[in-house]
N, C-alpha and C. Protein backbone atom coordinates (compact mmCIF):
# COMPACT_ATOMS: atom_id res chain seq x y z
N MET A 1 51.55 -1.85 25.80
CA MET A 1 51.03 -3.19 25.61
C MET A 1 52.15 -4.09 25.06
N SER A 2 52.30 -5.27 25.62
CA SER A 2 53.36 -6.19 25.19
C SER A 2 52.99 -6.83 23.86
N PRO A 3 53.99 -7.37 23.13
CA PRO A 3 53.69 -8.07 21.87
C PRO A 3 52.71 -9.23 22.09
N GLU A 4 52.83 -9.92 23.25
CA GLU A 4 51.93 -11.02 23.55
C GLU A 4 50.49 -10.53 23.73
N GLU A 5 50.32 -9.40 24.43
CA GLU A 5 48.98 -8.83 24.64
C GLU A 5 48.38 -8.37 23.31
N LEU A 6 49.21 -7.71 22.48
CA LEU A 6 48.74 -7.28 21.15
C LEU A 6 48.28 -8.48 20.33
N THR A 7 49.11 -9.52 20.32
CA THR A 7 48.81 -10.72 19.54
C THR A 7 47.52 -11.37 20.03
N GLN A 8 47.33 -11.44 21.36
CA GLN A 8 46.12 -12.03 21.92
C GLN A 8 44.89 -11.23 21.49
N GLN A 9 44.98 -9.91 21.58
CA GLN A 9 43.85 -9.06 21.21
C GLN A 9 43.53 -9.20 19.72
N LEU A 10 44.56 -9.24 18.88
CA LEU A 10 44.37 -9.41 17.44
C LEU A 10 43.79 -10.78 17.12
N TRP A 11 44.27 -11.82 17.81
CA TRP A 11 43.76 -13.18 17.59
C TRP A 11 42.27 -13.23 17.90
N GLU A 12 41.87 -12.63 19.04
CA GLU A 12 40.45 -12.63 19.41
C GLU A 12 39.60 -11.92 18.36
N ALA A 13 40.08 -10.77 17.87
CA ALA A 13 39.35 -10.05 16.82
C ALA A 13 39.27 -10.89 15.55
N SER A 14 40.36 -11.56 15.19
CA SER A 14 40.38 -12.41 14.00
C SER A 14 39.41 -13.57 14.14
N GLU A 15 39.45 -14.23 15.29
CA GLU A 15 38.57 -15.37 15.54
C GLU A 15 37.10 -14.98 15.42
N ASN A 16 36.78 -13.77 15.88
CA ASN A 16 35.40 -13.28 15.84
C ASN A 16 35.09 -12.53 14.55
N LYS A 17 36.11 -12.44 13.64
CA LYS A 17 35.99 -11.71 12.37
C LYS A 17 35.47 -10.29 12.60
N LYS A 18 36.10 -9.60 13.56
CA LYS A 18 35.72 -8.23 13.90
C LYS A 18 36.76 -7.26 13.33
N GLY A 19 36.28 -6.18 12.72
CA GLY A 19 37.17 -5.12 12.27
C GLY A 19 37.81 -4.42 13.47
N CYS A 20 38.94 -3.76 13.22
CA CYS A 20 39.67 -3.07 14.29
C CYS A 20 40.13 -1.70 13.81
N ARG A 21 40.24 -0.79 14.76
CA ARG A 21 40.89 0.50 14.51
C ARG A 21 42.24 0.42 15.20
N ILE A 22 43.30 0.61 14.41
CA ILE A 22 44.66 0.46 14.92
C ILE A 22 45.41 1.76 14.77
N THR A 23 46.11 2.15 15.83
CA THR A 23 46.95 3.34 15.79
C THR A 23 48.41 2.89 15.82
N LEU A 24 49.19 3.40 14.86
CA LEU A 24 50.62 3.10 14.79
C LEU A 24 51.42 4.33 15.20
N SER A 25 52.58 4.09 15.79
CA SER A 25 53.47 5.20 16.13
C SER A 25 53.88 5.93 14.86
N ARG A 26 54.08 7.22 14.97
CA ARG A 26 54.53 8.10 13.87
C ARG A 26 53.50 8.22 12.75
N GLU A 27 52.21 7.95 13.03
CA GLU A 27 51.16 8.17 12.03
C GLU A 27 50.09 9.08 12.62
N PRO A 28 49.61 10.06 11.84
CA PRO A 28 48.67 11.06 12.38
C PRO A 28 47.24 10.54 12.56
N LEU A 29 46.87 9.49 11.84
CA LEU A 29 45.50 8.97 11.88
C LEU A 29 45.51 7.46 12.08
N PRO A 30 44.45 6.91 12.71
CA PRO A 30 44.37 5.45 12.83
C PRO A 30 44.01 4.80 11.50
N ARG A 31 44.15 3.50 11.46
CA ARG A 31 43.79 2.69 10.29
C ARG A 31 42.63 1.77 10.69
N THR A 32 41.74 1.51 9.76
CA THR A 32 40.65 0.55 9.97
C THR A 32 41.01 -0.70 9.19
N VAL A 33 41.09 -1.84 9.91
CA VAL A 33 41.60 -3.06 9.28
C VAL A 33 40.77 -4.28 9.66
N CYS A 34 40.91 -5.32 8.84
CA CYS A 34 40.41 -6.65 9.12
C CYS A 34 41.64 -7.50 9.41
N PRO A 35 41.86 -7.92 10.67
CA PRO A 35 43.09 -8.66 11.00
C PRO A 35 43.04 -10.10 10.49
N TYR A 36 44.07 -10.49 9.73
CA TYR A 36 44.13 -11.83 9.14
C TYR A 36 45.12 -12.74 9.85
N GLY A 37 46.14 -12.16 10.51
CA GLY A 37 47.10 -13.01 11.21
C GLY A 37 48.33 -12.23 11.63
N VAL A 38 49.17 -12.91 12.42
CA VAL A 38 50.45 -12.35 12.85
C VAL A 38 51.52 -13.34 12.44
N CYS A 39 52.58 -12.81 11.83
CA CYS A 39 53.65 -13.70 11.38
C CYS A 39 54.99 -12.98 11.36
N THR A 40 56.03 -13.78 11.15
CA THR A 40 57.35 -13.25 10.85
C THR A 40 57.48 -13.25 9.34
N THR A 41 57.98 -12.14 8.79
CA THR A 41 58.14 -12.05 7.34
C THR A 41 59.49 -12.64 6.92
N SER A 42 59.68 -12.72 5.61
CA SER A 42 60.96 -13.20 5.08
C SER A 42 62.10 -12.24 5.43
N LYS A 43 61.76 -11.00 5.86
CA LYS A 43 62.77 -10.03 6.30
C LYS A 43 62.90 -10.02 7.83
N ASN A 44 62.34 -11.04 8.50
CA ASN A 44 62.40 -11.20 9.95
C ASN A 44 61.75 -10.07 10.74
N GLN A 45 60.68 -9.50 10.21
CA GLN A 45 59.88 -8.53 10.95
C GLN A 45 58.62 -9.25 11.43
N ILE A 46 58.17 -8.90 12.64
CA ILE A 46 56.90 -9.46 13.13
C ILE A 46 55.81 -8.47 12.76
N VAL A 47 54.83 -8.96 11.98
CA VAL A 47 53.82 -8.07 11.42
C VAL A 47 52.41 -8.61 11.64
N LEU A 48 51.47 -7.66 11.64
CA LEU A 48 50.05 -7.97 11.53
C LEU A 48 49.73 -7.96 10.05
N VAL A 49 49.24 -9.07 9.53
CA VAL A 49 48.79 -9.12 8.14
C VAL A 49 47.30 -8.80 8.17
N CYS A 50 46.90 -7.79 7.40
CA CYS A 50 45.50 -7.35 7.46
C CYS A 50 45.04 -6.82 6.11
N TRP A 51 43.73 -6.70 5.98
CA TRP A 51 43.11 -6.01 4.86
C TRP A 51 42.69 -4.65 5.40
N GLN A 52 43.26 -3.58 4.85
CA GLN A 52 42.93 -2.24 5.33
C GLN A 52 41.79 -1.67 4.52
N THR A 53 40.74 -1.19 5.23
CA THR A 53 39.57 -0.63 4.56
C THR A 53 39.52 0.89 4.62
N GLY A 54 40.29 1.49 5.53
CA GLY A 54 40.26 2.94 5.64
C GLY A 54 41.34 3.45 6.58
N GLY A 55 41.43 4.77 6.66
CA GLY A 55 42.40 5.39 7.55
C GLY A 55 43.71 5.70 6.88
N PHE A 56 44.73 5.93 7.68
CA PHE A 56 46.03 6.38 7.19
C PHE A 56 46.68 5.33 6.28
N THR A 57 47.19 5.79 5.16
CA THR A 57 47.94 4.89 4.26
C THR A 57 48.79 5.72 3.31
N LYS A 58 49.89 5.11 2.86
CA LYS A 58 50.73 5.76 1.86
C LYS A 58 50.39 5.23 0.47
N ALA A 59 49.39 4.34 0.38
CA ALA A 59 49.09 3.67 -0.88
C ALA A 59 47.99 4.39 -1.66
N GLY A 60 47.92 5.71 -1.55
CA GLY A 60 46.94 6.46 -2.32
C GLY A 60 45.51 6.29 -1.84
N GLY A 61 45.34 5.88 -0.59
CA GLY A 61 44.01 5.76 -0.03
C GLY A 61 43.24 4.52 -0.45
N LYS A 62 43.88 3.62 -1.18
CA LYS A 62 43.18 2.43 -1.67
C LYS A 62 43.13 1.34 -0.59
N GLU A 63 42.04 0.56 -0.62
CA GLU A 63 41.96 -0.62 0.22
C GLU A 63 43.02 -1.62 -0.24
N GLY A 64 43.45 -2.49 0.68
CA GLY A 64 44.39 -3.52 0.27
C GLY A 64 45.05 -4.19 1.45
N TYR A 65 45.84 -5.22 1.12
CA TYR A 65 46.59 -5.93 2.14
C TYR A 65 47.72 -5.06 2.66
N ARG A 66 47.94 -5.12 3.96
CA ARG A 66 49.05 -4.40 4.58
C ARG A 66 49.73 -5.34 5.57
N ASN A 67 51.04 -5.18 5.70
CA ASN A 67 51.82 -5.83 6.75
C ASN A 67 52.26 -4.72 7.69
N LEU A 68 51.64 -4.65 8.86
CA LEU A 68 51.91 -3.57 9.82
C LEU A 68 52.81 -4.11 10.92
N GLN A 69 53.93 -3.44 11.15
CA GLN A 69 54.89 -3.90 12.16
C GLN A 69 54.24 -3.90 13.55
N LEU A 70 54.29 -5.05 14.19
CA LEU A 70 53.66 -5.22 15.49
C LEU A 70 54.24 -4.24 16.52
N ASP A 71 55.54 -4.00 16.45
CA ASP A 71 56.17 -3.12 17.46
C ASP A 71 55.82 -1.64 17.26
N ARG A 72 55.09 -1.30 16.22
CA ARG A 72 54.65 0.09 16.00
C ARG A 72 53.19 0.31 16.40
N ILE A 73 52.49 -0.77 16.78
CA ILE A 73 51.09 -0.64 17.17
C ILE A 73 51.00 -0.09 18.58
N ILE A 74 50.31 1.06 18.71
CA ILE A 74 50.13 1.71 20.01
C ILE A 74 48.83 1.26 20.65
N SER A 75 47.76 1.16 19.84
CA SER A 75 46.47 0.75 20.39
C SER A 75 45.64 0.01 19.35
N ILE A 76 44.75 -0.85 19.88
CA ILE A 76 43.81 -1.61 19.06
C ILE A 76 42.43 -1.43 19.67
N GLU A 77 41.47 -1.09 18.84
CA GLU A 77 40.09 -1.00 19.29
C GLU A 77 39.25 -1.91 18.40
N GLU A 78 38.61 -2.91 19.02
CA GLU A 78 37.74 -3.80 18.25
C GLU A 78 36.46 -3.03 17.92
N LEU A 79 36.02 -3.13 16.67
CA LEU A 79 34.84 -2.39 16.20
C LEU A 79 33.61 -3.30 16.17
N ASP A 80 32.46 -2.69 15.93
CA ASP A 80 31.19 -3.41 16.00
C ASP A 80 30.74 -4.03 14.69
N TRP A 81 31.63 -4.23 13.76
CA TRP A 81 31.23 -4.86 12.49
C TRP A 81 32.11 -6.07 12.19
N HIS A 82 31.51 -6.99 11.44
CA HIS A 82 32.19 -8.24 11.07
C HIS A 82 32.68 -8.18 9.62
N PHE A 83 33.71 -8.95 9.34
CA PHE A 83 34.22 -9.04 7.96
C PHE A 83 34.22 -10.49 7.52
N GLN A 84 34.23 -10.66 6.21
CA GLN A 84 34.36 -11.97 5.59
C GLN A 84 35.81 -12.12 5.13
N LYS A 85 36.38 -13.30 5.34
CA LYS A 85 37.75 -13.56 4.86
C LYS A 85 37.74 -13.50 3.33
N ARG A 86 38.67 -12.75 2.77
CA ARG A 86 38.78 -12.62 1.31
C ARG A 86 39.28 -13.94 0.72
N THR A 87 38.77 -14.27 -0.46
CA THR A 87 39.16 -15.53 -1.10
C THR A 87 40.58 -15.47 -1.67
N ASP A 88 41.13 -14.26 -1.86
CA ASP A 88 42.49 -14.15 -2.41
C ASP A 88 43.58 -14.12 -1.34
N PHE A 89 43.21 -14.28 -0.06
CA PHE A 89 44.22 -14.33 1.00
C PHE A 89 45.02 -15.62 0.88
N ASN A 90 46.36 -15.49 0.81
CA ASN A 90 47.23 -16.66 0.62
C ASN A 90 48.28 -16.71 1.72
N PRO A 91 48.01 -17.47 2.80
CA PRO A 91 49.00 -17.56 3.88
C PRO A 91 50.29 -18.27 3.46
N GLN A 92 50.28 -18.94 2.29
CA GLN A 92 51.49 -19.61 1.80
C GLN A 92 52.40 -18.69 0.98
N ASP A 93 52.01 -17.43 0.82
CA ASP A 93 52.82 -16.47 0.06
C ASP A 93 54.25 -16.45 0.61
N VAL A 94 55.23 -16.32 -0.29
CA VAL A 94 56.65 -16.39 0.12
C VAL A 94 57.07 -15.27 1.07
N GLN A 95 56.34 -14.15 1.09
CA GLN A 95 56.72 -13.06 1.99
C GLN A 95 56.48 -13.42 3.46
N TYR A 96 55.61 -14.41 3.71
CA TYR A 96 55.31 -14.84 5.08
C TYR A 96 56.15 -16.05 5.41
N LYS A 97 56.83 -16.00 6.56
CA LYS A 97 57.71 -17.09 6.93
C LYS A 97 57.07 -17.98 7.99
N ASP A 98 57.00 -17.51 9.22
CA ASP A 98 56.44 -18.30 10.33
C ASP A 98 55.21 -17.61 10.90
N TRP A 99 54.08 -18.30 10.85
CA TRP A 99 52.83 -17.74 11.36
C TRP A 99 52.69 -18.00 12.86
N VAL A 100 52.30 -16.98 13.61
CA VAL A 100 51.84 -17.18 14.99
C VAL A 100 50.43 -17.73 14.90
N TYR A 101 49.60 -17.12 14.03
CA TYR A 101 48.26 -17.61 13.71
C TYR A 101 47.82 -16.92 12.42
N HIS A 102 46.85 -17.48 11.74
CA HIS A 102 46.19 -16.82 10.61
C HIS A 102 44.81 -17.43 10.42
N LEU A 103 43.95 -16.68 9.72
CA LEU A 103 42.60 -17.16 9.42
C LEU A 103 42.69 -18.34 8.46
């Protein structure tokens, strides 16, 4: 899947506030996330900014914000549940440089 196709699929899920199951290369299990946007970071990486609710993580299994590299996403599956945008989401955070889109 091209970066454009990934971004389109993520944008549609974000617009509909639908959770997603995402598989990344070099990870044994998928992640369950709420997609918040796609942007370039201050380190010039293109990432999916999301709230992760479950699945593979190195953060001790806790829910939280993640920046997942777009070029490592192998598959996206839109799930049958909706999420609410968190009030602490800050698209103006200095780690985010140029947004393709965000909630």
